[in-house]
Amino acid sequence: MRFRYAMVCSSNQNRSMEAHVLLNRQGLDVASYGTGSHVKLLGPSATEPNVYGFGAPYKHMFDELRRKDPELYPILSTDGILQMLKRNFYL
């Protein structure tokens, strides 16, 4: 019997997807899920997040944020929102 693993966080973006990557690299059967009612990503301020429905593809979020504000979401950043989304859409 092979075990299956579920990774869970509110928006299914950061913690669950990082755990998904690590376990997947070890050859484990992994799925990741969000528990919130929508995906909320950093916006220009704490009161202006970028909000997406759970069906929105990571690539769509990536492209929209990159177009929306290149200074807030620098494409070459190695530790920002765009890098996180890029990691996610390759899973």
PDB file of N, CA and C in Angstrom:
ATOM      1  N   MET A   1       0.847  -1.191   0.000  1.00  0.00           N
ATOM      2  CA  MET A   1       0.000   0.000   0.000  1.00  0.00           C
ATOM      3  C   MET A   1       0.886   1.247   0.000  1.00  0.00           C
ATOM      4  N   ARG A   2       0.656   2.129  -0.935  1.00  0.00           N
ATOM      5  CA  ARG A   2       1.439   3.363  -1.039  1.00  0.00           C
ATOM      6  C   ARG A   2       0.666   4.502  -0.381  1.00  0.00           C
ATOM      7  N   PHE A   3       1.345   5.267   0.452  1.00  0.00           N
ATOM      8  CA  PHE A   3       0.710   6.403   1.124  1.00  0.00           C
ATOM      9  C   PHE A   3       0.620   7.594   0.179  1.00  0.00           C
ATOM     10  N   ARG A   4      -0.389   8.425   0.407  1.00  0.00           N
ATOM     11  CA  ARG A   4      -0.542   9.699  -0.290  1.00  0.00           C
ATOM     12  C   ARG A   4      -0.485  10.786   0.774  1.00  0.00           C
ATOM     13  N   TYR A   5       0.099  11.924   0.439  1.00  0.00           N
ATOM     14  CA  TYR A   5       0.285  13.015   1.392  1.00  0.00           C
ATOM     15  C   TYR A   5      -0.419  14.270   0.896  1.00  0.00           C
ATOM     16  N   ALA A   6      -1.089  14.967   1.806  1.00  0.00           N
ATOM     17  CA  ALA A   6      -1.779  16.215   1.488  1.00  0.00           C
ATOM     18  C   ALA A   6      -1.110  17.360   2.242  1.00  0.00           C
ATOM     19  N   MET A   7      -0.727  18.392   1.527  1.00  0.00           N
ATOM     20  CA  MET A   7      -0.148  19.591   2.119  1.00  0.00           C
ATOM     21  C   MET A   7      -1.219  20.672   2.079  1.00  0.00           C
ATOM     22  N   VAL A   8      -1.394  21.382   3.192  1.00  0.00           N
ATOM     23  CA  VAL A   8      -2.492  22.340   3.309  1.00  0.00           C
ATOM     24  C   VAL A   8      -2.000  23.662   3.884  1.00  0.00           C
ATOM     25  N   CYS A   9      -2.420  24.768   3.283  1.00  0.00           N
ATOM     26  CA  CYS A   9      -2.262  26.101   3.873  1.00  0.00           C
ATOM     27  C   CYS A   9      -3.426  26.959   3.370  1.00  0.00           C
ATOM     28  N   SER A  10      -3.575  28.120   3.885  1.00  0.00           N
ATOM     29  CA  SER A  10      -4.737  28.951   3.586  1.00  0.00           C
ATOM     30  C   SER A  10      -4.918  29.208   2.089  1.00  0.00           C
ATOM     31  N   SER A  11      -3.880  29.700   1.428  1.00  0.00           N
ATOM     32  CA  SER A  11      -4.014  30.071   0.012  1.00  0.00           C
ATOM     33  C   SER A  11      -3.377  29.074  -0.951  1.00  0.00           C
ATOM     34  N   ASN A  12      -2.822  27.984  -0.445  1.00  0.00           N
ATOM     35  CA  ASN A  12      -2.136  26.990  -1.279  1.00  0.00           C
ATOM     36  C   ASN A  12      -1.071  27.657  -2.152  1.00  0.00           C
ATOM     37  N   GLN A  13      -0.271  28.505  -1.540  1.00  0.00           N
ATOM     38  CA  GLN A  13       0.767  29.220  -2.268  1.00  0.00           C
ATOM     39  C   GLN A  13       2.159  28.954  -1.710  1.00  0.00           C
ATOM     40  N   ASN A  14       2.376  29.258  -0.476  1.00  0.00           N
ATOM     41  CA  ASN A  14       3.729  29.265   0.044  1.00  0.00           C
ATOM     42  C   ASN A  14       4.084  27.989   0.800  1.00  0.00           C
ATOM     43  N   ARG A  15       3.558  27.822   1.998  1.00  0.00           N
ATOM     44  CA  ARG A  15       3.950  26.686   2.831  1.00  0.00           C
ATOM     45  C   ARG A  15       3.576  25.343   2.219  1.00  0.00           C
ATOM     46  N   SER A  16       2.332  25.208   1.773  1.00  0.00           N
ATOM     47  CA  SER A  16       1.904  23.917   1.224  1.00  0.00           C
ATOM     48  C   SER A  16       2.665  23.577  -0.054  1.00  0.00           C
ATOM     49  N   MET A  17       2.934  24.560  -0.879  1.00  0.00           N
ATOM     50  CA  MET A  17       3.625  24.290  -2.138  1.00  0.00           C
ATOM     51  C   MET A  17       5.108  24.003  -1.916  1.00  0.00           C
ATOM     52  N   GLU A  18       5.731  24.658  -0.955  1.00  0.00           N
ATOM     53  CA  GLU A  18       7.136  24.359  -0.651  1.00  0.00           C
ATOM     54  C   GLU A  18       7.255  22.940  -0.112  1.00  0.00           C
ATOM     55  N   ALA A  19       6.342  22.552   0.776  1.00  0.00           N
ATOM     56  CA  ALA A  19       6.334  21.176   1.287  1.00  0.00           C
ATOM     57  C   ALA A  19       6.062  20.194   0.149  1.00  0.00           C
ATOM     58  N   HIS A  20       5.164  20.554  -0.745  1.00  0.00           N
ATOM     59  CA  HIS A  20       4.847  19.727  -1.918  1.00  0.00           C
ATOM     60  C   HIS A  20       6.119  19.465  -2.725  1.00  0.00           C
ATOM     61  N   VAL A  21       6.879  20.514  -3.001  1.00  0.00           N
ATOM     62  CA  VAL A  21       8.122  20.388  -3.770  1.00  0.00           C
ATOM     63  C   VAL A  21       9.090  19.441  -3.063  1.00  0.00           C
ATOM     64  N   LEU A  22       9.312  19.661  -1.777  1.00  0.00           N
ATOM     65  CA  LEU A  22      10.283  18.851  -1.035  1.00  0.00           C
ATOM     66  C   LEU A  22       9.899  17.376  -0.997  1.00  0.00           C
ATOM     67  N   LEU A  23       8.644  17.080  -0.722  1.00  0.00           N
ATOM     68  CA  LEU A  23       8.203  15.686  -0.667  1.00  0.00           C
ATOM     69  C   LEU A  23       8.175  15.050  -2.054  1.00  0.00           C
ATOM     70  N   ASN A  24       7.787  15.823  -3.053  1.00  0.00           N
ATOM     71  CA  ASN A  24       7.767  15.329  -4.428  1.00  0.00           C
ATOM     72  C   ASN A  24       9.170  14.930  -4.881  1.00  0.00           C
ATOM     73  N   ARG A  25      10.162  15.708  -4.502  1.00  0.00           N
ATOM     74  CA  ARG A  25      11.555  15.391  -4.853  1.00  0.00           C
ATOM     75  C   ARG A  25      12.006  14.067  -4.235  1.00  0.00           C
ATOM     76  N   GLN A  26      11.378  13.684  -3.143  1.00  0.00           N
ATOM     77  CA  GLN A  26      11.706  12.415  -2.479  1.00  0.00           C
ATOM     78  C   GLN A  26      10.913  11.245  -3.066  1.00  0.00           C
ATOM     79  N   GLY A  27      10.121  11.526  -4.096  1.00  0.00           N
ATOM     80  CA  GLY A  27       9.370  10.482  -4.766  1.00  0.00           C
ATOM     81  C   GLY A  27       8.043  10.130  -4.118  1.00  0.00           C
ATOM     82  N   LEU A  28       7.569  10.969  -3.205  1.00  0.00           N
ATOM     83  CA  LEU A  28       6.304  10.701  -2.528  1.00  0.00           C
ATOM     84  C   LEU A  28       5.125  11.212  -3.355  1.00  0.00           C
ATOM     85  N   ASP A  29       3.973  10.585  -3.177  1.00  0.00           N
ATOM     86  CA  ASP A  29       2.737  10.971  -3.864  1.00  0.00           C
ATOM     87  C   ASP A  29       2.095  12.115  -3.080  1.00  0.00           C
ATOM     88  N   VAL A  30       2.137  13.324  -3.624  1.00  0.00           N
ATOM     89  CA  VAL A  30       1.752  14.530  -2.889  1.00  0.00           C
ATOM     90  C   VAL A  30       0.691  15.326  -3.650  1.00  0.00           C
ATOM     91  N   ALA A  31      -0.236  15.899  -2.908  1.00  0.00           N
ATOM     92  CA  ALA A  31      -1.195  16.871  -3.440  1.00  0.00           C
ATOM     93  C   ALA A  31      -1.225  18.035  -2.458  1.00  0.00           C
ATOM     94  N   SER A  32      -1.550  19.226  -2.931  1.00  0.00           N
ATOM     95  CA  SER A  32      -1.610  20.378  -2.030  1.00  0.00           C
ATOM     96  C   SER A  32      -2.949  21.080  -2.189  1.00  0.00           C
ATOM     97  N   TYR A  33      -3.403  21.674  -1.088  1.00  0.00           N
ATOM     98  CA  TYR A  33      -4.737  22.261  -1.032  1.00  0.00           C
ATOM     99  C   TYR A  33      -4.727  23.562  -0.245  1.00  0.00           C
ATOM    100  N   GLY A  34      -5.691  24.421  -0.534  1.00  0.00           N
ATOM    101  CA  GLY A  34      -5.902  25.640   0.235  1.00  0.00           C
ATOM    102  C   GLY A  34      -7.191  25.525   1.025  1.00  0.00           C
ATOM    103  N   THR A  35      -7.240  26.195   2.167  1.00  0.00           N
ATOM    104  CA  THR A  35      -8.433  26.132   3.018  1.00  0.00           C
ATOM    105  C   THR A  35      -9.242  27.420   3.004  1.00  0.00           C
ATOM    106  N   GLY A  36      -8.685  28.485   2.465  1.00  0.00           N
ATOM    107  CA  GLY A  36      -9.379  29.768   2.446  1.00  0.00           C
ATOM    108  C   GLY A  36     -10.459  29.806   1.378  1.00  0.00           C
ATOM    109  N   SER A  37     -11.178  30.910   1.330  1.00  0.00           N
ATOM    110  CA  SER A  37     -12.230  31.059   0.322  1.00  0.00           C
ATOM    111  C   SER A  37     -11.682  31.626  -0.987  1.00  0.00           C
ATOM    112  N   HIS A  38     -10.445  32.121  -0.958  1.00  0.00           N
ATOM    113  CA  HIS A  38      -9.799  32.672  -2.141  1.00  0.00           C
ATOM    114  C   HIS A  38      -8.296  32.747  -1.882  1.00  0.00           C
ATOM    115  N   VAL A  39      -7.554  33.071  -2.915  1.00  0.00           N
ATOM    116  CA  VAL A  39      -6.102  33.241  -2.818  1.00  0.00           C
ATOM    117  C   VAL A  39      -5.819  34.722  -2.663  1.00  0.00           C
ATOM    118  N   LYS A  40      -5.081  35.074  -1.620  1.00  0.00           N
ATOM    119  CA  LYS A  40      -4.729  36.472  -1.380  1.00  0.00           C
ATOM    120  C   LYS A  40      -3.211  36.600  -1.440  1.00  0.00           C
ATOM    121  N   LEU A  41      -2.727  37.468  -2.333  1.00  0.00           N
ATOM    122  CA  LEU A  41      -1.295  37.715  -2.484  1.00  0.00           C
ATOM    123  C   LEU A  41      -0.973  39.165  -2.158  1.00  0.00           C
ATOM    124  N   LEU A  42       0.248  39.380  -1.751  1.00  0.00           N
ATOM    125  CA  LEU A  42       0.740  40.709  -1.411  1.00  0.00           C
ATOM    126  C   LEU A  42       0.382  41.722  -2.491  1.00  0.00           C
ATOM    127  N   GLY A  43      -0.118  42.866  -2.053  1.00  0.00           N
ATOM    128  CA  GLY A  43      -0.439  43.959  -2.963  1.00  0.00           C
ATOM    129  C   GLY A  43       0.368  45.185  -2.593  1.00  0.00           C
ATOM    130  N   PRO A  44      -0.002  46.350  -3.116  1.00  0.00           N
ATOM    131  CA  PRO A  44       0.728  47.579  -2.834  1.00  0.00           C
ATOM    132  C   PRO A  44       0.714  47.963  -1.353  1.00  0.00           C
ATOM    133  N   SER A  45      -0.310  47.505  -0.615  1.00  0.00           N
ATOM    134  CA  SER A  45      -0.370  47.763   0.830  1.00  0.00           C
ATOM    135  C   SER A  45      -1.125  46.611   1.493  1.00  0.00           C
ATOM    136  N   ALA A  46      -1.124  46.590   2.812  1.00  0.00           N
ATOM    137  CA  ALA A  46      -1.805  45.528   3.559  1.00  0.00           C
ATOM    138  C   ALA A  46      -3.309  45.530   3.308  1.00  0.00           C
ATOM    139  N   THR A  47      -3.853  46.692   2.969  1.00  0.00           N
ATOM    140  CA  THR A  47      -5.299  46.780   2.728  1.00  0.00           C
ATOM    141  C   THR A  47      -5.671  46.611   1.253  1.00  0.00           C
ATOM    142  N   GLU A  48      -4.671  46.393   0.390  1.00  0.00           N
ATOM    143  CA  GLU A  48      -4.917  46.231  -1.048  1.00  0.00           C
ATOM    144  C   GLU A  48      -4.270  44.951  -1.583  1.00  0.00           C
ATOM    145  N   PRO A  49      -4.689  43.790  -1.098  1.00  0.00           N
ATOM    146  CA  PRO A  49      -4.094  42.551  -1.610  1.00  0.00           C
ATOM    147  C   PRO A  49      -4.603  42.242  -3.016  1.00  0.00           C
ATOM    148  N   ASN A  50      -3.907  41.392  -3.705  1.00  0.00           N
ATOM    149  CA  ASN A  50      -4.374  40.853  -4.977  1.00  0.00           C
ATOM    150  C   ASN A  50      -5.154  39.588  -4.646  1.00  0.00           C
ATOM    151  N   VAL A  51      -6.408  39.525  -5.073  1.00  0.00           N
ATOM    152  CA  VAL A  51      -7.292  38.418  -4.708  1.00  0.00           C
ATOM    153  C   VAL A  51      -7.681  37.638  -5.966  1.00  0.00           C
ATOM    154  N   TYR A  52      -7.570  36.315  -5.882  1.00  0.00           N
ATOM    155  CA  TYR A  52      -7.911  35.421  -6.990  1.00  0.00           C
ATOM    156  C   TYR A  52      -8.790  34.291  -6.471  1.00  0.00           C
ATOM    157  N   GLY A  53      -9.631  33.765  -7.338  1.00  0.00           N
ATOM    158  CA  GLY A  53     -10.408  32.579  -6.999  1.00  0.00           C
ATOM    159  C   GLY A  53      -9.500  31.360  -6.994  1.00  0.00           C
ATOM    160  N   PHE A  54      -9.908  30.305  -6.287  1.00  0.00           N
ATOM    161  CA  PHE A  54      -9.070  29.110  -6.216  1.00  0.00           C
ATOM    162  C   PHE A  54      -8.877  28.413  -7.558  1.00  0.00           C
ATOM    163  N   GLY A  55      -9.686  28.687  -8.537  1.00  0.00           N
ATOM    164  CA  GLY A  55      -9.503  28.064  -9.846  1.00  0.00           C
ATOM    165  C   GLY A  55      -8.504  28.788 -10.731  1.00  0.00           C
ATOM    166  N   ALA A  56      -8.029  29.958 -10.309  1.00  0.00           N
ATOM    167  CA  ALA A  56      -7.108  30.741 -11.141  1.00  0.00           C
ATOM    168  C   ALA A  56      -5.765  30.021 -11.259  1.00  0.00           C
ATOM    169  N   PRO A  57      -5.277  29.812 -12.482  1.00  0.00           N
ATOM    170  CA  PRO A  57      -3.976  29.167 -12.658  1.00  0.00           C
ATOM    171  C   PRO A  57      -2.840  30.057 -12.140  1.00  0.00           C
ATOM    172  N   TYR A  58      -1.801  29.422 -11.600  1.00  0.00           N
ATOM    173  CA  TYR A  58      -0.637  30.167 -11.106  1.00  0.00           C
ATOM    174  C   TYR A  58      -0.035  31.021 -12.214  1.00  0.00           C
ATOM    175  N   LYS A  59      -0.006  30.510 -13.427  1.00  0.00           N
ATOM    176  CA  LYS A  59       0.565  31.257 -14.556  1.00  0.00           C
ATOM    177  C   LYS A  59      -0.225  32.541 -14.806  1.00  0.00           C
ATOM    178  N   HIS A  60      -1.542  32.485 -14.682  1.00  0.00           N
ATOM    179  CA  HIS A  60      -2.380  33.681 -14.848  1.00  0.00           C
ATOM    180  C   HIS A  60      -2.031  34.726 -13.784  1.00  0.00           C
ATOM    181  N   MET A  61      -1.906  34.299 -12.529  1.00  0.00           N
ATOM    182  CA  MET A  61      -1.551  35.225 -11.442  1.00  0.00           C
ATOM    183  C   MET A  61      -0.188  35.849 -11.714  1.00  0.00           C
ATOM    184  N   PHE A  62       0.776  35.028 -12.107  1.00  0.00           N
ATOM    185  CA  PHE A  62       2.130  35.480 -12.419  1.00  0.00           C
ATOM    186  C   PHE A  62       2.101  36.556 -13.502  1.00  0.00           C
ATOM    187  N   ASP A  63       1.452  36.255 -14.624  1.00  0.00           N
ATOM    188  CA  ASP A  63       1.407  37.201 -15.751  1.00  0.00           C
ATOM    189  C   ASP A  63       0.704  38.497 -15.372  1.00  0.00           C
ATOM    190  N   GLU A  64      -0.399  38.394 -14.640  1.00  0.00           N
ATOM    191  CA  GLU A  64      -1.146  39.590 -14.252  1.00  0.00           C
ATOM    192  C   GLU A  64      -0.336  40.483 -13.311  1.00  0.00           C
ATOM    193  N   LEU A  65       0.316  39.902 -12.316  1.00  0.00           N
ATOM    194  CA  LEU A  65       1.113  40.712 -11.382  1.00  0.00           C
ATOM    195  C   LEU A  65       2.307  41.345 -12.080  1.00  0.00           C
ATOM    196  N   ARG A  66       2.924  40.607 -12.981  1.00  0.00           N
ATOM    197  CA  ARG A  66       4.076  41.147 -13.710  1.00  0.00           C
ATOM    198  C   ARG A  66       3.667  42.350 -14.549  1.00  0.00           C
ATOM    199  N   ARG A  67       2.501  42.273 -15.176  1.00  0.00           N
ATOM    200  CA  ARG A  67       2.001  43.402 -15.978  1.00  0.00           C
ATOM    201  C   ARG A  67       1.537  44.555 -15.097  1.00  0.00           C
ATOM    202  N   LYS A  68       0.927  44.226 -13.981  1.00  0.00           N
ATOM    203  CA  LYS A  68       0.288  45.222 -13.120  1.00  0.00           C
ATOM    204  C   LYS A  68       1.280  46.238 -12.556  1.00  0.00           C
ATOM    205  N   ASP A  69       2.402  45.774 -12.024  1.00  0.00           N
ATOM    206  CA  ASP A  69       3.343  46.688 -11.374  1.00  0.00           C
ATOM    207  C   ASP A  69       4.754  46.089 -11.362  1.00  0.00           C
ATOM    208  N   PRO A  70       5.531  46.310 -12.437  1.00  0.00           N
ATOM    209  CA  PRO A  70       6.873  45.730 -12.522  1.00  0.00           C
ATOM    210  C   PRO A  70       7.818  46.162 -11.395  1.00  0.00           C
ATOM    211  N   GLU A  71       7.591  47.340 -10.828  1.00  0.00           N
ATOM    212  CA  GLU A  71       8.461  47.785  -9.732  1.00  0.00           C
ATOM    213  C   GLU A  71       8.133  47.069  -8.423  1.00  0.00           C
ATOM    214  N   LEU A  72       6.866  46.812  -8.186  1.00  0.00           N
ATOM    215  CA  LEU A  72       6.463  46.107  -6.969  1.00  0.00           C
ATOM    216  C   LEU A  72       6.790  44.620  -7.066  1.00  0.00           C
ATOM    217  N   TYR A  73       6.701  44.067  -8.277  1.00  0.00           N
ATOM    218  CA  TYR A  73       6.953  42.645  -8.508  1.00  0.00           C
ATOM    219  C   TYR A  73       8.086  42.485  -9.521  1.00  0.00           C
ATOM    220  N   PRO A  74       9.334  42.711  -9.109  1.00  0.00           N
ATOM    221  CA  PRO A  74      10.447  42.612 -10.058  1.00  0.00           C
ATOM    222  C   PRO A  74      10.641  41.174 -10.539  1.00  0.00           C
ATOM    223  N   ILE A  75      10.725  40.993 -11.845  1.00  0.00           N
ATOM    224  CA  ILE A  75      10.838  39.672 -12.455  1.00  0.00           C
ATOM    225  C   ILE A  75      12.125  38.963 -12.050  1.00  0.00           C
ATOM    226  N   LEU A  76      13.173  39.702 -11.778  1.00  0.00           N
ATOM    227  CA  LEU A  76      14.445  39.074 -11.444  1.00  0.00           C
ATOM    228  C   LEU A  76      14.616  38.800  -9.955  1.00  0.00           C
ATOM    229  N   SER A  77      13.646  39.156  -9.157  1.00  0.00           N
ATOM    230  CA  SER A  77      13.722  38.904  -7.721  1.00  0.00           C
ATOM    231  C   SER A  77      13.807  37.406  -7.465  1.00  0.00           C
ATOM    232  N   THR A  78      14.695  37.004  -6.575  1.00  0.00           N
ATOM    233  CA  THR A  78      14.834  35.575  -6.269  1.00  0.00           C
ATOM    234  C   THR A  78      14.021  35.160  -5.054  1.00  0.00           C
ATOM    235  N   ASP A  79      13.404  36.105  -4.376  1.00  0.00           N
ATOM    236  CA  ASP A  79      12.664  35.736  -3.161  1.00  0.00           C
ATOM    237  C   ASP A  79      11.287  36.392  -3.088  1.00  0.00           C
ATOM    238  N   GLY A  80      10.730  36.722  -4.233  1.00  0.00           N
ATOM    239  CA  GLY A  80       9.465  37.443  -4.220  1.00  0.00           C
ATOM    240  C   GLY A  80       8.275  36.612  -4.655  1.00  0.00           C
ATOM    241  N   ILE A  81       7.151  37.301  -4.784  1.00  0.00           N
ATOM    242  CA  ILE A  81       5.885  36.686  -5.158  1.00  0.00           C
ATOM    243  C   ILE A  81       5.984  36.000  -6.525  1.00  0.00           C
ATOM    244  N   LEU A  82       6.620  36.652  -7.501  1.00  0.00           N
ATOM    245  CA  LEU A  82       6.686  36.062  -8.836  1.00  0.00           C
ATOM    246  C   LEU A  82       7.476  34.761  -8.839  1.00  0.00           C
ATOM    247  N   GLN A  83       8.567  34.715  -8.096  1.00  0.00           N
ATOM    248  CA  GLN A  83       9.350  33.474  -8.025  1.00  0.00           C
ATOM    249  C   GLN A  83       8.531  32.360  -7.385  1.00  0.00           C
ATOM    250  N   MET A  84       7.761  32.701  -6.359  1.00  0.00           N
ATOM    251  CA  MET A  84       6.919  31.713  -5.696  1.00  0.00           C
ATOM    252  C   MET A  84       5.879  31.163  -6.681  1.00  0.00           C
ATOM    253  N   LEU A  85       5.228  32.055  -7.429  1.00  0.00           N
ATOM    254  CA  LEU A  85       4.225  31.618  -8.402  1.00  0.00           C
ATOM    255  C   LEU A  85       4.854  30.785  -9.514  1.00  0.00           C
ATOM    256  N   LYS A  86       6.037  31.182  -9.945  1.00  0.00           N
ATOM    257  CA  LYS A  86       6.733  30.438 -10.997  1.00  0.00           C
ATOM    258  C   LYS A  86       7.027  29.011 -10.530  1.00  0.00           C
ATOM    259  N   ARG A  87       7.487  28.873  -9.300  1.00  0.00           N
ATOM    260  CA  ARG A  87       7.715  27.538  -8.732  1.00  0.00           C
ATOM    261  C   ARG A  87       6.420  26.731  -8.757  1.00  0.00           C
ATOM    262  N   ASN A  88       5.332  27.377  -8.373  1.00  0.00           N
ATOM    263  CA  ASN A  88       4.049  26.683  -8.270  1.00  0.00           C
ATOM    264  C   ASN A  88       3.515  26.217  -9.621  1.00  0.00           C
ATOM    265  N   PHE A  89       3.680  27.027 -10.671  1.00  0.00           N
ATOM    266  CA  PHE A  89       3.078  26.583 -11.930  1.00  0.00           C
ATOM    267  C   PHE A  89       3.893  25.522 -12.639  1.00  0.00           C
ATOM    268  N   TYR A  90       5.064  25.182 -12.145  1.00  0.00           N
ATOM    269  CA  TYR A  90       5.824  24.060 -12.697  1.00  0.00           C
ATOM    270  C   TYR A  90       5.502  22.740 -12.009  1.00  0.00           C
ATOM    271  N   LEU A  91       4.684  22.773 -10.974  1.00  0.00           N
ATOM    272  CA  LEU A  91       4.303  21.523 -10.286  1.00  0.00           C
ATOM    273  C   LEU A  91       3.120  20.877 -10.960  1.00  0.00           C
TER     274      LEU A  91
END
